[in-house]
Amino acid sequence: MASGIAFYRAKRAPALANPTSASVFVQNDNSAKAAYVQIKPDIASSTNLRFFVSARGRATTGTTSNFLAKIQFNSNVIATASGTTPITAGNNTDFLSLTNRSYATITRPWYIDLEVVWDSTSQRLTGQANGLNAETIETANASITALTGIDLTTGTCGFVVAAIFGTSNASNSATLDDFYIEVM
């Protein structure tokens, strides 16, 4: 991939322990904030924007369980007010979810790569996705359903990553090893 005009990497995130409902990865140094990638104001002023979002990690199960990771969009990833903060998965909009896959007391890698486009006229955010979960490749270049009414020029929009296990077990753990955005 060609070098982008802007690059932003999320802060490190600690592992999520046994999330059985969608849980957002938080910042290692501030658990009151989500680990996020932001579409910065200086690059969001474009009338047409194309960018790459990538997340990768590992999932470990203590018993046979399903696992999935998802990238979510939030119009204000820097919000800290109760009820609006992106740390709560329900405050975000699912942009792309991996297919739920079965893990049998093992550790396996996962990743999500998104190529995203946005334009200021239609205010639509869409693109294509590739990914892997439990050593199973997702549908190649799958189309992402467009989000509408999206204004990236606010400079506060961005993405977070959430994870969920289908069965509770104290040994279930999800990690986010890398998460970044590159504007092309």
Protein backbone atom coordinates (compact mmCIF):
# COMPACT_ATOMS: atom_id res chain seq x y z
CA MET A 1 0.00 0.00 0.00
CA ALA A 2 1.27 3.48 -0.83
CA SER A 3 2.28 5.77 1.98
CA GLY A 4 -0.63 7.88 3.20
CA ILE A 5 -0.74 11.62 3.77
CA ALA A 6 -1.60 11.15 7.44
CA PHE A 7 -1.21 8.29 9.90
CA TYR A 8 -2.64 7.87 13.40
CA ARG A 9 -2.17 4.89 15.73
CA ALA A 10 -4.45 4.30 18.72
CA LYS A 11 -3.01 4.20 22.22
CA ARG A 12 -2.21 0.74 23.56
CA ALA A 13 -5.11 -1.16 25.07
CA PRO A 14 -5.14 -3.77 27.83
CA ALA A 15 -6.77 -7.14 27.14
CA LEU A 16 -10.51 -7.49 27.61
CA ALA A 17 -11.27 -10.20 30.15
CA ASN A 18 -14.26 -12.38 29.29
CA PRO A 19 -16.51 -9.81 27.55
CA THR A 20 -19.86 -11.55 26.98
CA SER A 21 -21.51 -8.40 25.65
CA ALA A 22 -19.91 -6.02 23.16
CA SER A 23 -17.06 -4.30 25.03
CA VAL A 24 -14.84 -1.53 23.65
CA PHE A 25 -11.07 -1.69 24.13
CA VAL A 26 -9.91 1.12 26.42
CA GLN A 27 -6.64 3.02 26.65
CA ASN A 28 -3.90 1.38 28.70
CA ASP A 29 -3.09 4.61 30.54
CA ASN A 30 -6.68 5.84 30.98
CA SER A 31 -9.44 3.24 31.29
CA ALA A 32 -12.07 6.01 31.14
CA LYS A 33 -11.26 6.53 27.43
CA ALA A 34 -11.68 4.23 24.46
CA ALA A 35 -8.67 3.23 22.37
CA TYR A 36 -9.60 5.09 19.18
CA VAL A 37 -8.37 6.33 15.84
CA GLN A 38 -9.54 9.82 14.97
CA ILE A 39 -10.12 11.44 11.61
CA LYS A 40 -8.16 14.61 12.35
CA PRO A 41 -9.58 18.05 11.44
CA ASP A 42 -6.70 18.96 9.12
CA ILE A 43 -7.41 15.97 6.89
CA ALA A 44 -11.17 15.84 7.33
CA SER A 45 -11.69 19.17 5.53
CA SER A 46 -11.48 17.38 2.20
CA THR A 47 -14.56 17.10 0.00
CA ASN A 48 -13.68 13.48 -0.77
CA LEU A 49 -11.64 11.34 1.58
CA ARG A 50 -10.23 7.84 1.20
CA PHE A 51 -8.55 6.08 4.09
CA PHE A 52 -7.45 2.70 5.44
CA VAL A 53 -8.38 1.44 8.93
CA SER A 54 -6.71 -1.65 10.36
CA ALA A 55 -7.13 -3.54 13.63
CA ARG A 56 -5.54 -6.81 14.69
CA GLY A 57 -5.37 -8.88 17.83
CA ARG A 58 -5.79 -12.30 19.41
CA ALA A 59 -8.56 -14.15 21.18
CA THR A 60 -8.11 -16.88 23.78
CA THR A 61 -10.89 -19.11 25.06
CA GLY A 62 -10.95 -21.25 28.19
CA THR A 63 -13.72 -23.42 26.77
CA THR A 64 -15.36 -23.77 23.37
CA SER A 65 -16.87 -20.38 22.60
CA ASN A 66 -17.69 -18.10 19.72
CA PHE A 67 -15.72 -14.87 19.31
CA LEU A 68 -16.03 -11.81 17.14
CA ALA A 69 -14.41 -8.41 16.91
CA LYS A 70 -15.95 -5.34 15.32
CA ILE A 71 -14.96 -1.85 14.27
CA GLN A 72 -17.44 0.80 15.34
CA PHE A 73 -17.90 4.41 14.21
CA ASN A 74 -18.49 7.30 16.60
CA SER A 75 -19.07 10.93 15.64
CA ASN A 76 -17.16 12.11 18.73
CA VAL A 77 -14.45 9.64 19.77
CA ILE A 78 -12.94 12.18 22.17
CA ALA A 79 -16.21 12.63 24.17
CA THR A 80 -16.01 11.93 27.89
CA ALA A 81 -19.51 12.95 29.00
CA SER A 82 -21.59 10.17 30.50
CA GLY A 83 -24.07 8.76 27.99
CA THR A 84 -22.06 9.79 24.92
CA THR A 85 -18.61 8.35 25.48
CA PRO A 86 -17.42 5.82 22.89
CA ILE A 87 -16.23 3.53 25.70
CA THR A 88 -19.80 2.16 25.74
CA ALA A 89 -20.37 -0.04 22.67
CA GLY A 90 -24.05 0.96 22.55
CA ASN A 91 -23.06 4.60 21.92
CA ASN A 92 -21.28 3.59 18.70
CA THR A 93 -22.48 2.42 15.31
CA ASP A 94 -21.22 -0.95 14.06
CA PHE A 95 -19.26 -0.34 10.87
CA LEU A 96 -17.98 -3.86 10.29
CA SER A 97 -18.13 -7.05 12.36
CA LEU A 98 -16.15 -10.21 11.76
CA THR A 99 -18.19 -13.38 11.38
CA ASN A 100 -18.77 -15.10 14.71
CA ARG A 101 -16.32 -18.06 14.81
CA SER A 102 -15.91 -20.97 17.19
CA TYR A 103 -12.72 -21.22 19.25
CA ALA A 104 -12.06 -24.48 21.14
CA THR A 105 -9.86 -23.69 24.16
CA ILE A 106 -7.22 -22.07 21.96
CA THR A 107 -5.64 -18.75 21.04
CA ARG A 108 -6.03 -17.48 17.48
CA PRO A 109 -5.32 -14.21 15.71
CA TRP A 110 -7.92 -11.95 14.11
CA TYR A 111 -7.73 -8.86 11.95
CA ILE A 112 -9.95 -6.37 10.15
CA ASP A 113 -8.76 -4.20 7.25
CA LEU A 114 -11.09 -1.54 5.88
CA GLU A 115 -10.68 0.66 2.83
CA VAL A 116 -13.13 3.51 3.44
CA VAL A 117 -14.40 6.40 1.29
CA TRP A 118 -16.41 9.49 2.27
CA ASP A 119 -17.60 12.53 0.39
CA SER A 120 -18.96 15.78 1.73
CA THR A 121 -21.85 16.01 -0.76
CA SER A 122 -23.63 12.74 -0.01
CA GLN A 123 -22.31 12.54 3.61
CA ARG A 124 -21.93 8.76 3.13
CA LEU A 125 -19.20 6.65 4.69
CA THR A 126 -18.71 3.27 3.00
CA GLY A 127 -16.03 1.00 1.59
CA GLN A 128 -14.79 -2.56 1.49
CA ALA A 129 -13.46 -4.96 4.09
CA ASN A 130 -11.13 -7.91 4.50
CA GLY A 131 -10.51 -9.91 7.64
CA LEU A 132 -9.65 -13.12 9.41
CA ASN A 133 -11.10 -14.73 12.52
CA ALA A 134 -10.02 -18.09 14.00
CA GLU A 135 -7.91 -18.77 10.90
CA THR A 136 -10.94 -18.39 8.64
CA ILE A 137 -10.79 -15.71 5.95
CA GLU A 138 -13.77 -13.39 5.72
CA THR A 139 -15.39 -12.67 2.35
CA ALA A 140 -12.71 -10.89 0.31
CA ASN A 141 -13.38 -7.24 -0.50
CA ALA A 142 -16.81 -7.39 1.13
CA SER A 143 -18.88 -4.25 0.68
CA ILE A 144 -19.56 -2.20 3.82
CA THR A 145 -23.11 -0.90 4.23
CA ALA A 146 -22.94 2.90 4.05
CA LEU A 147 -23.46 5.08 7.08
CA THR A 148 -25.40 8.21 6.13
CA GLY A 149 -25.45 11.75 7.48
CA ILE A 150 -21.76 11.57 8.40
CA ASP A 151 -19.89 14.89 8.64
CA LEU A 152 -16.19 14.16 8.97
CA THR A 153 -15.27 17.87 8.91
CA THR A 154 -16.07 18.15 12.64
CA GLY A 155 -12.67 16.64 13.37
CA THR A 156 -14.09 14.50 16.19
CA CYS A 157 -15.18 11.43 14.20
CA GLY A 158 -13.36 8.15 14.39
CA PHE A 159 -13.41 4.44 15.11
CA VAL A 160 -13.14 2.11 18.10
CA VAL A 161 -12.86 -1.68 18.35
CA ALA A 162 -15.17 -3.91 20.39
CA ALA A 163 -15.08 -7.65 21.09
CA ILE A 164 -17.45 -10.28 22.42
CA PHE A 165 -17.39 -13.96 23.44
CA GLY A 166 -20.46 -16.14 23.13
CA THR A 167 -19.82 -18.18 26.29
CA SER A 168 -18.53 -16.94 29.62
CA ASN A 169 -15.24 -18.38 30.93
CA ALA A 170 -12.71 -16.78 33.27
CA SER A 171 -9.91 -17.66 30.81
CA ASN A 172 -11.51 -15.81 27.85
CA SER A 173 -9.33 -12.92 26.77
CA ALA A 174 -9.28 -10.61 23.75
CA THR A 175 -6.33 -8.41 22.85
CA LEU A 176 -5.99 -5.47 20.48
CA ASP A 177 -2.38 -5.62 19.30
CA ASP A 178 -2.53 -2.79 16.74
CA PHE A 179 -5.14 -0.27 15.56
CA TYR A 180 -4.45 2.56 13.12
CA ILE A 181 -5.84 4.81 10.39
CA GLU A 182 -3.98 5.95 7.29
CA VAL A 183 -5.42 8.63 5.04
CA MET A 184 -4.49 8.14 1.39
